[in-house]
């Protein structure tokens, strides 16, 4: 059987999905023997080939012994035949070409939502400690911040309890009860609570998702197992931790890793979606000293005509004391693009 092959169209359609583009190749063939359209399709898709065309579904396209594009990036997703007369047919082959081509940047997309998050506060412009992270010997890659920096029991930067007098309710220089008294470990700032009730203040919160195209574990066209770019354990190990290092241009300790998701593109490729949340208060909560309502626990003095009485002591409650380096989730090229987003 002699087959003549003519390519009559090679085009690119719109994006099928982010990081994937659909291409089409159209050929017209004729032969000296009668072969049904189904027979031609079976030959093409079974790997035997017809007219030099081999297009196994999920595999690369080979035309005349030449593979179409990078076989690791281009996949056959459909083959359609249209009979044209007794011994001729039009063959349309649909191909999906995935991102990360040679000499190009890896594709990264950062989606963000900037909102005002109502937050109960007792002090405005408080002192927010700078975390000091130490490696946890029990879990490689994890870091523990010193809890004493947050509860004020050890020196922090900036230091907590900078307002004087630091001890007692009476100023030793005057013998009068101090109106600026702060107990040890107090977060400082301006008192904005009313009779011990916090104000709801809008703080900036950024929820953002980093999307990257990844190659997952799969079976190659040769039947061998191929490992993916990243394991599930690597993706999920840092969930619930804060950033131990600067990430996406955001300061250390301000970002928390909320979770991740994998959306399949096909049996081999997927989009990895990594979700983060950033807050200027480093996700800590202001907690009042539980003595309001007494002369010691409220910011007032004998004979004070004011009706507003403030909580004397306010502390930080930091539930996220563990950290990881979120940059480890991404390649160097991806990190550079995320920082510019």
C-alpha atoms as a PDB file:
ATOM      1  CA  UNK A   1       0.000   0.000   0.000  1.00  0.00           C
ATOM      2  CA  UNK A   2       1.372   3.388  -1.041  1.00  0.00           C
ATOM      3  CA  UNK A   3       0.149   6.422   0.901  1.00  0.00           C
ATOM      4  CA  UNK A   4       0.555  10.023  -0.184  1.00  0.00           C
ATOM      5  CA  UNK A   5       0.414  12.654   2.601  1.00  0.00           C
ATOM      6  CA  UNK A   6      -0.156  16.407   2.275  1.00  0.00           C
ATOM      7  CA  UNK A   7      -0.221  18.815   5.197  1.00  0.00           C
ATOM      8  CA  UNK A   8      -2.924  21.400   4.545  1.00  0.00           C
ATOM      9  CA  UNK A   9      -3.081  23.250   7.907  1.00  0.00           C
ATOM     10  CA  UNK A  10      -1.003  23.897  11.008  1.00  0.00           C
ATOM     11  CA  UNK A  11      -2.513  26.303  13.511  1.00  0.00           C
ATOM     12  CA  UNK A  12      -2.734  27.272  17.176  1.00  0.00           C
ATOM     13  CA  UNK A  13      -6.003  27.871  18.967  1.00  0.00           C
ATOM     14  CA  UNK A  14      -6.667  29.906  22.086  1.00  0.00           C
ATOM     15  CA  UNK A  15      -5.427  28.733  25.461  1.00  0.00           C
ATOM     16  CA  UNK A  16      -7.083  25.546  26.625  1.00  0.00           C
ATOM     17  CA  UNK A  17      -6.103  26.282  30.199  1.00  0.00           C
ATOM     18  CA  UNK A  18      -3.493  28.394  31.923  1.00  0.00           C
ATOM     19  CA  UNK A  19      -0.145  26.917  30.945  1.00  0.00           C
ATOM     20  CA  UNK A  20      -1.607  24.828  28.097  1.00  0.00           C
ATOM     21  CA  UNK A  21      -2.220  25.670  24.435  1.00  0.00           C
ATOM     22  CA  UNK A  22      -4.090  23.595  21.861  1.00  0.00           C
ATOM     23  CA  UNK A  23      -2.528  23.123  18.429  1.00  0.00           C
ATOM     24  CA  UNK A  24      -4.028  21.431  15.391  1.00  0.00           C
ATOM     25  CA  UNK A  25      -2.365  19.664  12.466  1.00  0.00           C
ATOM     26  CA  UNK A  26      -4.443  18.737   9.409  1.00  0.00           C
ATOM     27  CA  UNK A  27      -3.313  16.280   6.702  1.00  0.00           C
ATOM     28  CA  UNK A  28      -4.914  14.900   3.538  1.00  0.00           C
ATOM     29  CA  UNK A  29      -3.947  11.359   2.520  1.00  0.00           C
ATOM     30  CA  UNK A  30      -4.648   9.085  -0.406  1.00  0.00           C
ATOM     31  CA  UNK A  31      -3.589   5.491  -1.042  1.00  0.00           C
ATOM     32  CA  UNK A  32      -3.814   2.747  -3.612  1.00  0.00           C
ATOM     33  CA  UNK A  33      -5.948   0.525  -1.408  1.00  0.00           C
ATOM     34  CA  UNK A  34      -9.324   1.058   0.167  1.00  0.00           C
ATOM     35  CA  UNK A  35      -8.949   1.681   3.932  1.00  0.00           C
ATOM     36  CA  UNK A  36     -11.920   2.804   6.002  1.00  0.00           C
ATOM     37  CA  UNK A  37     -11.730   5.949   8.145  1.00  0.00           C
ATOM     38  CA  UNK A  38     -11.907   3.768  11.251  1.00  0.00           C
ATOM     39  CA  UNK A  39      -9.091   1.633   9.929  1.00  0.00           C
ATOM     40  CA  UNK A  40      -6.910   4.698   9.338  1.00  0.00           C
ATOM     41  CA  UNK A  41      -7.658   6.015  12.827  1.00  0.00           C
ATOM     42  CA  UNK A  42      -6.828   2.670  14.417  1.00  0.00           C
ATOM     43  CA  UNK A  43      -3.484   2.540  12.600  1.00  0.00           C
ATOM     44  CA  UNK A  44      -2.600   6.096  13.673  1.00  0.00           C
ATOM     45  CA  UNK A  45      -3.640   5.688  17.312  1.00  0.00           C
ATOM     46  CA  UNK A  46      -2.297   2.166  17.802  1.00  0.00           C
ATOM     47  CA  UNK A  47       1.304   3.169  17.122  1.00  0.00           C
ATOM     48  CA  UNK A  48       1.522   1.294  13.808  1.00  0.00           C
ATOM     49  CA  UNK A  49       1.081   4.507  11.867  1.00  0.00           C
ATOM     50  CA  UNK A  50      -0.535   5.473   8.614  1.00  0.00           C
ATOM     51  CA  UNK A  51       1.198   7.549   5.976  1.00  0.00           C
ATOM     52  CA  UNK A  52       4.033   8.154   8.413  1.00  0.00           C
ATOM     53  CA  UNK A  53       1.642   9.592  11.025  1.00  0.00           C
ATOM     54  CA  UNK A  54       1.693   8.139  14.548  1.00  0.00           C
ATOM     55  CA  UNK A  55      -0.478   9.856  17.171  1.00  0.00           C
ATOM     56  CA  UNK A  56      -1.206   7.661  20.146  1.00  0.00           C
ATOM     57  CA  UNK A  57      -3.645   9.386  22.511  1.00  0.00           C
ATOM     58  CA  UNK A  58      -1.671  10.883  25.373  1.00  0.00           C
ATOM     59  CA  UNK A  59       1.595  10.450  23.486  1.00  0.00           C
ATOM     60  CA  UNK A  60       3.618  12.680  21.173  1.00  0.00           C
ATOM     61  CA  UNK A  61       2.859  13.171  17.478  1.00  0.00           C
ATOM     62  CA  UNK A  62       5.327  11.679  15.005  1.00  0.00           C
ATOM     63  CA  UNK A  63       5.193  12.679  11.342  1.00  0.00           C
ATOM     64  CA  UNK A  64       7.540  10.941   8.926  1.00  0.00           C
ATOM     65  CA  UNK A  65       9.712   9.802  11.827  1.00  0.00           C
ATOM     66  CA  UNK A  66      10.031  13.334  13.266  1.00  0.00           C
ATOM     67  CA  UNK A  67       8.474  13.991  16.674  1.00  0.00           C
ATOM     68  CA  UNK A  68       6.363  17.151  16.925  1.00  0.00           C
ATOM     69  CA  UNK A  69       7.968  19.504  19.451  1.00  0.00           C
ATOM     70  CA  UNK A  70       9.309  18.397  22.802  1.00  0.00           C
ATOM     71  CA  UNK A  71       7.793  14.958  23.515  1.00  0.00           C
ATOM     72  CA  UNK A  72       7.719  15.833  27.226  1.00  0.00           C
ATOM     73  CA  UNK A  73       5.518  18.878  26.535  1.00  0.00           C
ATOM     74  CA  UNK A  74       3.330  17.971  23.527  1.00  0.00           C
ATOM     75  CA  UNK A  75       0.530  15.433  23.875  1.00  0.00           C
ATOM     76  CA  UNK A  76      -2.056  14.102  21.414  1.00  0.00           C
ATOM     77  CA  UNK A  77      -5.551  14.731  22.753  1.00  0.00           C
ATOM     78  CA  UNK A  78      -7.703  13.853  19.737  1.00  0.00           C
ATOM     79  CA  UNK A  79      -7.700  12.392  16.223  1.00  0.00           C
ATOM     80  CA  UNK A  80     -10.550  13.007  13.763  1.00  0.00           C
ATOM     81  CA  UNK A  81     -10.928  11.618  10.222  1.00  0.00           C
ATOM     82  CA  UNK A  82     -13.162  12.868   7.432  1.00  0.00           C
ATOM     83  CA  UNK A  83     -13.416  10.551   4.381  1.00  0.00           C
ATOM     84  CA  UNK A  84     -12.942  12.324   1.050  1.00  0.00           C
ATOM     85  CA  UNK A  85     -13.816   9.974  -1.742  1.00  0.00           C
ATOM     86  CA  UNK A  86     -12.907   6.313  -2.191  1.00  0.00           C
ATOM     87  CA  UNK A  87      -9.271   6.268  -1.124  1.00  0.00           C
ATOM     88  CA  UNK A  88      -8.694   9.684   0.494  1.00  0.00           C
ATOM     89  CA  UNK A  89      -9.234  11.145   3.945  1.00  0.00           C
ATOM     90  CA  UNK A  90      -8.654  14.352   5.869  1.00  0.00           C
ATOM     91  CA  UNK A  91      -6.955  13.749   9.218  1.00  0.00           C
ATOM     92  CA  UNK A  92      -7.154  16.375  12.000  1.00  0.00           C
ATOM     93  CA  UNK A  93      -4.919  15.869  15.017  1.00  0.00           C
ATOM     94  CA  UNK A  94      -5.384  18.001  18.157  1.00  0.00           C
ATOM     95  CA  UNK A  95      -2.339  18.533  20.359  1.00  0.00           C
ATOM     96  CA  UNK A  96      -1.936  20.129  23.773  1.00  0.00           C
ATOM     97  CA  UNK A  97       1.394  21.796  24.447  1.00  0.00           C
ATOM     98  CA  UNK A  98       2.189  22.568  28.072  1.00  0.00           C
ATOM     99  CA  UNK A  99       4.218  25.441  29.466  1.00  0.00           C
ATOM    100  CA  UNK A 100       7.868  25.711  30.510  1.00  0.00           C
ATOM    101  CA  UNK A 101       9.364  25.683  27.041  1.00  0.00           C
ATOM    102  CA  UNK A 102      13.125  25.747  26.546  1.00  0.00           C
ATOM    103  CA  UNK A 103      14.796  29.115  27.205  1.00  0.00           C
ATOM    104  CA  UNK A 104      11.577  30.571  28.656  1.00  0.00           C
ATOM    105  CA  UNK A 105      10.554  31.403  32.219  1.00  0.00           C
ATOM    106  CA  UNK A 106       8.479  28.880  34.106  1.00  0.00           C
ATOM    107  CA  UNK A 107       4.889  30.060  34.206  1.00  0.00           C
ATOM    108  CA  UNK A 108       3.751  31.611  37.476  1.00  0.00           C
ATOM    109  CA  UNK A 109       0.452  33.314  38.212  1.00  0.00           C
ATOM    110  CA  UNK A 110      -0.254  35.177  41.467  1.00  0.00           C
ATOM    111  CA  UNK A 111      -3.898  35.977  42.286  1.00  0.00           C
ATOM    112  CA  UNK A 112      -4.612  38.184  45.291  1.00  0.00           C
ATOM    113  CA  UNK A 113      -7.485  39.647  47.276  1.00  0.00           C
ATOM    114  CA  UNK A 114      -6.750  42.686  49.452  1.00  0.00           C
ATOM    115  CA  UNK A 115      -9.366  43.293  52.143  1.00  0.00           C
ATOM    116  CA  UNK A 116      -9.966  45.199  55.341  1.00  0.00           C
ATOM    117  CA  UNK A 117     -10.192  42.650  58.141  1.00  0.00           C
ATOM    118  CA  UNK A 118     -12.161  43.879  61.207  1.00  0.00           C
ATOM    119  CA  UNK A 119      -9.957  43.076  64.211  1.00  0.00           C
ATOM    120  CA  UNK A 120     -10.703  43.633  67.931  1.00  0.00           C
ATOM    121  CA  UNK A 121      -7.872  45.676  69.468  1.00  0.00           C
ATOM    122  CA  UNK A 122      -7.147  47.236  72.844  1.00  0.00           C
ATOM    123  CA  UNK A 123      -4.126  49.204  71.642  1.00  0.00           C
ATOM    124  CA  UNK A 124      -3.415  50.975  68.378  1.00  0.00           C
ATOM    125  CA  UNK A 125       0.129  51.013  66.962  1.00  0.00           C
ATOM    126  CA  UNK A 126       1.312  48.297  69.388  1.00  0.00           C
ATOM    127  CA  UNK A 127       4.818  46.895  69.570  1.00  0.00           C
ATOM    128  CA  UNK A 128       4.999  43.806  67.302  1.00  0.00           C
ATOM    129  CA  UNK A 129       8.029  41.628  68.133  1.00  0.00           C
ATOM    130  CA  UNK A 130      10.500  40.469  65.503  1.00  0.00           C
ATOM    131  CA  UNK A 131      10.613  36.669  65.516  1.00  0.00           C
ATOM    132  CA  UNK A 132      13.902  34.949  66.269  1.00  0.00           C
ATOM    133  CA  UNK A 133      13.740  31.535  64.635  1.00  0.00           C
ATOM    134  CA  UNK A 134      15.794  28.512  65.658  1.00  0.00           C
ATOM    135  CA  UNK A 135      15.945  25.197  63.809  1.00  0.00           C
ATOM    136  CA  UNK A 136      13.885  22.440  65.390  1.00  0.00           C
ATOM    137  CA  UNK A 137      16.007  19.308  65.639  1.00  0.00           C
ATOM    138  CA  UNK A 138      12.879  17.145  65.696  1.00  0.00           C
ATOM    139  CA  UNK A 139      11.670  18.103  62.219  1.00  0.00           C
ATOM    140  CA  UNK A 140      14.084  19.092  59.490  1.00  0.00           C
ATOM    141  CA  UNK A 141      13.143  22.335  57.810  1.00  0.00           C
ATOM    142  CA  UNK A 142      10.955  23.575  60.653  1.00  0.00           C
ATOM    143  CA  UNK A 143      11.793  26.525  62.870  1.00  0.00           C
ATOM    144  CA  UNK A 144      10.486  27.527  66.287  1.00  0.00           C
ATOM    145  CA  UNK A 145      10.195  31.150  67.330  1.00  0.00           C
ATOM    146  CA  UNK A 146      10.939  32.069  70.920  1.00  0.00           C
ATOM    147  CA  UNK A 147       7.572  32.262  72.698  1.00  0.00           C
ATOM    148  CA  UNK A 148       9.168  34.543  75.284  1.00  0.00           C
ATOM    149  CA  UNK A 149       9.479  37.261  72.665  1.00  0.00           C
ATOM    150  CA  UNK A 150       5.710  37.319  72.351  1.00  0.00           C
ATOM    151  CA  UNK A 151       4.684  37.067  76.007  1.00  0.00           C
ATOM    152  CA  UNK A 152       7.310  39.602  77.054  1.00  0.00           C
ATOM    153  CA  UNK A 153       9.147  37.252  79.404  1.00  0.00           C
ATOM    154  CA  UNK A 154      12.405  37.701  77.488  1.00  0.00           C
ATOM    155  CA  UNK A 155      13.948  40.616  75.634  1.00  0.00           C
ATOM    156  CA  UNK A 156      12.351  41.248  72.278  1.00  0.00           C
ATOM    157  CA  UNK A 157      13.122  43.540  69.366  1.00  0.00           C
ATOM    158  CA  UNK A 158      11.490  46.018  69.590  1.00  0.00           C
ATOM    159  CA  UNK A 159      11.420  45.534  73.378  1.00  0.00           C
ATOM    160  CA  UNK A 160       8.020  45.187  75.022  1.00  0.00           C
ATOM    161  CA  UNK A 161       7.009  47.277  78.057  1.00  0.00           C
ATOM    162  CA  UNK A 162       8.953  50.431  77.206  1.00  0.00           C
ATOM    163  CA  UNK A 163       6.498  52.757  78.985  1.00  0.00           C
ATOM    164  CA  UNK A 164       7.418  53.698  82.557  1.00  0.00           C
ATOM    165  CA  UNK A 165       7.046  53.107  85.376  1.00  0.00           C
ATOM    166  CA  UNK A 166       7.519  49.465  84.550  1.00  0.00           C
ATOM    167  CA  UNK A 167       6.476  48.084  87.943  1.00  0.00           C
ATOM    168  CA  UNK A 168       3.787  48.944  90.460  1.00  0.00           C
ATOM    169  CA  UNK A 169       0.795  51.218  90.135  1.00  0.00           C
ATOM    170  CA  UNK A 170       2.400  54.160  91.927  1.00  0.00           C
ATOM    171  CA  UNK A 171       5.058  56.391  90.398  1.00  0.00           C
ATOM    172  CA  UNK A 172       7.895  56.231  92.964  1.00  0.00           C
ATOM    173  CA  UNK A 173       9.048  59.738  92.040  1.00  0.00           C
ATOM    174  CA  UNK A 174       5.731  61.385  92.938  1.00  0.00           C
ATOM    175  CA  UNK A 175       3.900  58.845  95.063  1.00  0.00           C
ATOM    176  CA  UNK A 176       0.872  59.250  92.766  1.00  0.00           C
ATOM    177  CA  UNK A 177      -0.759  56.427  90.878  1.00  0.00           C
ATOM    178  CA  UNK A 178       0.662  56.514  87.362  1.00  0.00           C
ATOM    179  CA  UNK A 179      -1.659  56.928  84.399  1.00  0.00           C
ATOM    180  CA  UNK A 180       0.904  55.458  82.003  1.00  0.00           C
ATOM    181  CA  UNK A 181       1.580  52.283  83.944  1.00  0.00           C
ATOM    182  CA  UNK A 182       2.335  49.129  81.948  1.00  0.00           C
ATOM    183  CA  UNK A 183       2.927  45.715  83.493  1.00  0.00           C
ATOM    184  CA  UNK A 184       5.819  43.541  82.361  1.00  0.00           C
ATOM    185  CA  UNK A 185       5.322  42.175  78.855  1.00  0.00           C
ATOM    186  CA  UNK A 186       2.773  44.826  77.828  1.00  0.00           C
ATOM    187  CA  UNK A 187       2.542  45.504  74.075  1.00  0.00           C
ATOM    188  CA  UNK A 188       2.521  49.293  74.442  1.00  0.00           C
ATOM    189  CA  UNK A 189       0.689  51.484  71.946  1.00  0.00           C
ATOM    190  CA  UNK A 190      -2.207  53.879  72.450  1.00  0.00           C
ATOM    191  CA  UNK A 191      -5.118  52.776  74.641  1.00  0.00           C
ATOM    192  CA  UNK A 192      -8.265  52.670  72.513  1.00  0.00           C
ATOM    193  CA  UNK A 193     -10.496  50.286  74.473  1.00  0.00           C
ATOM    194  CA  UNK A 194     -13.620  51.597  76.193  1.00  0.00           C
ATOM    195  CA  UNK A 195     -14.181  50.336  79.717  1.00  0.00           C
ATOM    196  CA  UNK A 196     -12.268  47.201  78.891  1.00  0.00           C
ATOM    197  CA  UNK A 197     -14.083  46.542  75.599  1.00  0.00           C
ATOM    198  CA  UNK A 198     -11.940  46.420  72.456  1.00  0.00           C
ATOM    199  CA  UNK A 199     -12.536  48.492  69.355  1.00  0.00           C
ATOM    200  CA  UNK A 200     -12.987  46.823  65.969  1.00  0.00           C
ATOM    201  CA  UNK A 201     -10.264  48.240  63.742  1.00  0.00           C
ATOM    202  CA  UNK A 202      -9.762  47.429  60.049  1.00  0.00           C
ATOM    203  CA  UNK A 203      -6.335  45.915  59.414  1.00  0.00           C
ATOM    204  CA  UNK A 204      -4.958  45.068  55.983  1.00  0.00           C
ATOM    205  CA  UNK A 205      -5.208  41.403  55.062  1.00  0.00           C
ATOM    206  CA  UNK A 206      -3.899  39.916  51.828  1.00  0.00           C
ATOM    207  CA  UNK A 207      -5.149  36.528  50.667  1.00  0.00           C
ATOM    208  CA  UNK A 208      -3.136  35.366  47.690  1.00  0.00           C
ATOM    209  CA  UNK A 209      -2.677  32.199  45.656  1.00  0.00           C
ATOM    210  CA  UNK A 210       0.434  31.245  43.722  1.00  0.00           C
ATOM    211  CA  UNK A 211      -0.256  29.002  40.720  1.00  0.00           C
ATOM    212  CA  UNK A 212       2.472  27.077  38.890  1.00  0.00           C
ATOM    213  CA  UNK A 213       2.444  24.380  36.207  1.00  0.00           C
ATOM    214  CA  UNK A 214       3.903  21.146  37.542  1.00  0.00           C
ATOM    215  CA  UNK A 215       4.637  17.689  36.197  1.00  0.00           C
ATOM    216  CA  UNK A 216       3.212  14.982  38.436  1.00  0.00           C
ATOM    217  CA  UNK A 217       4.201  11.367  38.905  1.00  0.00           C
ATOM    218  CA  UNK A 218       3.154   9.410  35.802  1.00  0.00           C
ATOM    219  CA  UNK A 219       3.854   6.464  33.550  1.00  0.00           C
ATOM    220  CA  UNK A 220       5.875   7.350  30.464  1.00  0.00           C
ATOM    221  CA  UNK A 221       5.057   6.184  26.945  1.00  0.00           C
ATOM    222  CA  UNK A 222       7.718   3.524  27.491  1.00  0.00           C
ATOM    223  CA  UNK A 223       5.800   2.157  30.476  1.00  0.00           C
ATOM    224  CA  UNK A 224       8.255   3.357  33.128  1.00  0.00           C
ATOM    225  CA  UNK A 225       7.349   5.277  36.282  1.00  0.00           C
ATOM    226  CA  UNK A 226       8.493   8.917  36.278  1.00  0.00           C
ATOM    227  CA  UNK A 227       8.688  10.936  39.498  1.00  0.00           C
ATOM    228  CA  UNK A 228       7.006  14.335  39.607  1.00  0.00           C
ATOM    229  CA  UNK A 229       8.392  17.771  40.306  1.00  0.00           C
ATOM    230  CA  UNK A 230       7.228  17.710  43.919  1.00  0.00           C
ATOM    231  CA  UNK A 231       5.693  15.226  46.342  1.00  0.00           C
ATOM    232  CA  UNK A 232       2.493  15.731  48.312  1.00  0.00           C
ATOM    233  CA  UNK A 233       4.535  15.658  51.531  1.00  0.00           C
ATOM    234  CA  UNK A 234       6.710  18.509  50.292  1.00  0.00           C
ATOM    235  CA  UNK A 235       3.610  20.519  49.370  1.00  0.00           C
ATOM    236  CA  UNK A 236       1.780  20.037  52.673  1.00  0.00           C
ATOM    237  CA  UNK A 237       4.521  19.918  55.307  1.00  0.00           C
ATOM    238  CA  UNK A 238       4.468  23.667  55.993  1.00  0.00           C
ATOM    239  CA  UNK A 239       0.691  24.199  56.203  1.00  0.00           C
ATOM    240  CA  UNK A 240      -0.202  26.200  59.307  1.00  0.00           C
ATOM    241  CA  UNK A 241       3.255  27.755  59.695  1.00  0.00           C
ATOM    242  CA  UNK A 242       4.461  31.335  59.205  1.00  0.00           C
ATOM    243  CA  UNK A 243       7.205  32.446  56.838  1.00  0.00           C
ATOM    244  CA  UNK A 244      10.591  32.067  58.484  1.00  0.00           C
ATOM    245  CA  UNK A 245      12.132  34.136  55.674  1.00  0.00           C
ATOM    246  CA  UNK A 246      10.945  37.015  53.484  1.00  0.00           C
ATOM    247  CA  UNK A 247       8.429  35.677  50.953  1.00  0.00           C
ATOM    248  CA  UNK A 248       6.726  37.374  47.997  1.00  0.00           C
ATOM    249  CA  UNK A 249       8.259  40.635  49.184  1.00  0.00           C
ATOM    250  CA  UNK A 250       6.418  40.323  52.521  1.00  0.00           C
ATOM    251  CA  UNK A 251       8.237  40.592  55.839  1.00  0.00           C
ATOM    252  CA  UNK A 252       9.296  37.622  57.918  1.00  0.00           C
ATOM    253  CA  UNK A 253       6.541  36.211  60.099  1.00  0.00           C
ATOM    254  CA  UNK A 254       3.641  38.060  58.413  1.00  0.00           C
ATOM    255  CA  UNK A 255       2.529  35.266  56.025  1.00  0.00           C
ATOM    256  CA  UNK A 256       0.829  32.012  56.959  1.00  0.00           C
ATOM    257  CA  UNK A 257       0.584  28.990  54.627  1.00  0.00           C
ATOM    258  CA  UNK A 258      -3.131  28.144  54.412  1.00  0.00           C
ATOM    259  CA  UNK A 259      -3.056  25.102  52.120  1.00  0.00           C
ATOM    260  CA  UNK A 260      -2.573  23.836  48.572  1.00  0.00           C
ATOM    261  CA  UNK A 261      -4.520  22.240  45.762  1.00  0.00           C
ATOM    262  CA  UNK A 262      -3.638  20.275  42.631  1.00  0.00           C
ATOM    263  CA  UNK A 263      -5.808  20.690  39.529  1.00  0.00           C
ATOM    264  CA  UNK A 264      -5.132  18.082  36.847  1.00  0.00           C
ATOM    265  CA  UNK A 265      -4.495  19.156  33.273  1.00  0.00           C
ATOM    266  CA  UNK A 266      -4.096  15.559  32.102  1.00  0.00           C
ATOM    267  CA  UNK A 267      -2.615  12.310  33.409  1.00  0.00           C
ATOM    268  CA  UNK A 268       0.817  13.931  33.627  1.00  0.00           C
ATOM    269  CA  UNK A 269       0.544  17.685  34.184  1.00  0.00           C
ATOM    270  CA  UNK A 270      -1.276  19.680  36.845  1.00  0.00           C
ATOM    271  CA  UNK A 271      -1.563  23.226  38.202  1.00  0.00           C
ATOM    272  CA  UNK A 272      -0.319  23.597  41.776  1.00  0.00           C
ATOM    273  CA  UNK A 273      -2.244  26.246  43.731  1.00  0.00           C
ATOM    274  CA  UNK A 274      -0.571  27.429  46.951  1.00  0.00           C
ATOM    275  CA  UNK A 275      -2.700  29.596  49.241  1.00  0.00           C
ATOM    276  CA  UNK A 276      -1.300  32.170  51.678  1.00  0.00           C
ATOM    277  CA  UNK A 277      -2.557  34.920  53.998  1.00  0.00           C
ATOM    278  CA  UNK A 278      -0.598  37.971  55.118  1.00  0.00           C
ATOM    279  CA  UNK A 279      -1.376  40.266  58.053  1.00  0.00           C
ATOM    280  CA  UNK A 280       0.552  43.151  59.557  1.00  0.00           C
ATOM    281  CA  UNK A 281      -0.080  41.898  63.123  1.00  0.00           C
ATOM    282  CA  UNK A 282       1.652  38.608  62.263  1.00  0.00           C
ATOM    283  CA  UNK A 283      -1.591  36.717  62.994  1.00  0.00           C
ATOM    284  CA  UNK A 284      -1.306  37.392  66.736  1.00  0.00           C
ATOM    285  CA  UNK A 285      -4.239  38.422  68.977  1.00  0.00           C
ATOM    286  CA  UNK A 286      -4.327  41.157  71.614  1.00  0.00           C
ATOM    287  CA  UNK A 287      -5.363  39.684  74.964  1.00  0.00           C
ATOM    288  CA  UNK A 288      -6.228  41.878  77.987  1.00  0.00           C
ATOM    289  CA  UNK A 289      -4.967  41.324  81.484  1.00  0.00           C
ATOM    290  CA  UNK A 290      -7.971  39.745  83.276  1.00  0.00           C
ATOM    291  CA  UNK A 291      -8.205  42.327  86.097  1.00  0.00           C
ATOM    292  CA  UNK A 292     -10.428  44.986  84.533  1.00  0.00           C
ATOM    293  CA  UNK A 293     -13.012  46.487  86.863  1.00  0.00           C
ATOM    294  CA  UNK A 294     -10.655  46.913  89.781  1.00  0.00           C
ATOM    295  CA  UNK A 295      -8.568  49.912  90.696  1.00  0.00           C
ATOM    296  CA  UNK A 296      -5.434  47.960  89.805  1.00  0.00           C
ATOM    297  CA  UNK A 297      -6.666  46.547  86.563  1.00  0.00           C
ATOM    298  CA  UNK A 298      -8.151  49.676  84.977  1.00  0.00           C
ATOM    299  CA  UNK A 299      -6.342  52.781  83.806  1.00  0.00           C
ATOM    300  CA  UNK A 300      -7.949  55.229  86.250  1.00  0.00           C
ATOM    301  CA  UNK A 301      -7.087  57.117  89.398  1.00  0.00           C
ATOM    302  CA  UNK A 302      -8.897  58.119  92.558  1.00  0.00           C
ATOM    303  CA  UNK A 303     -11.571  60.711  91.787  1.00  0.00           C
ATOM    304  CA  UNK A 304     -11.153  60.364  88.001  1.00  0.00           C
ATOM    305  CA  UNK A 305     -14.256  62.031  86.477  1.00  0.00           C
ATOM    306  CA  UNK A 306     -13.856  60.195  83.167  1.00  0.00           C
ATOM    307  CA  UNK A 307     -16.229  57.373  82.330  1.00  0.00           C
ATOM    308  CA  UNK A 308     -13.704  55.683  80.023  1.00  0.00           C
ATOM    309  CA  UNK A 309     -11.411  53.311  81.878  1.00  0.00           C
ATOM    310  CA  UNK A 310      -8.707  51.374  80.041  1.00  0.00           C
ATOM    311  CA  UNK A 311      -7.285  47.918  80.584  1.00  0.00           C
ATOM    312  CA  UNK A 312      -3.848  48.332  82.136  1.00  0.00           C
ATOM    313  CA  UNK A 313      -2.122  45.305  80.661  1.00  0.00           C
ATOM    314  CA  UNK A 314      -2.454  43.904  77.125  1.00  0.00           C
ATOM    315  CA  UNK A 315      -0.430  40.987  75.839  1.00  0.00           C
ATOM    316  CA  UNK A 316       0.111  39.091  72.588  1.00  0.00           C
ATOM    317  CA  UNK A 317      -1.288  35.623  72.008  1.00  0.00           C
ATOM    318  CA  UNK A 318       0.666  34.096  69.115  1.00  0.00           C
ATOM    319  CA  UNK A 319      -0.786  30.700  68.088  1.00  0.00           C
ATOM    320  CA  UNK A 320       1.607  30.230  65.132  1.00  0.00           C
ATOM    321  CA  UNK A 321       5.029  29.746  66.683  1.00  0.00           C
ATOM    322  CA  UNK A 322       6.365  27.396  64.020  1.00  0.00           C
ATOM    323  CA  UNK A 323       7.762  28.521  60.712  1.00  0.00           C
ATOM    324  CA  UNK A 324       9.142  27.250  57.419  1.00  0.00           C
ATOM    325  CA  UNK A 325      10.812  28.852  54.439  1.00  0.00           C
ATOM    326  CA  UNK A 326       8.011  29.090  51.864  1.00  0.00           C
ATOM    327  CA  UNK A 327      10.565  29.733  49.133  1.00  0.00           C
ATOM    328  CA  UNK A 328      11.415  26.015  49.317  1.00  0.00           C
ATOM    329  CA  UNK A 329       8.063  25.281  47.654  1.00  0.00           C
ATOM    330  CA  UNK A 330       9.226  26.941  44.438  1.00  0.00           C
ATOM    331  CA  UNK A 331      12.152  26.928  42.032  1.00  0.00           C
ATOM    332  CA  UNK A 332      14.587  29.839  41.893  1.00  0.00           C
ATOM    333  CA  UNK A 333      12.942  31.139  38.715  1.00  0.00           C
ATOM    334  CA  UNK A 334       9.480  30.887  40.251  1.00  0.00           C
ATOM    335  CA  UNK A 335      10.651  32.691  43.398  1.00  0.00           C
ATOM    336  CA  UNK A 336      11.952  35.610  41.327  1.00  0.00           C
ATOM    337  CA  UNK A 337       8.611  35.993  39.540  1.00  0.00           C
ATOM    338  CA  UNK A 338       6.588  35.699  42.755  1.00  0.00           C
ATOM    339  CA  UNK A 339       8.661  38.487  44.327  1.00  0.00           C
ATOM    340  CA  UNK A 340       7.702  40.781  41.428  1.00  0.00           C
ATOM    341  CA  UNK A 341       3.971  39.976  41.498  1.00  0.00           C
END
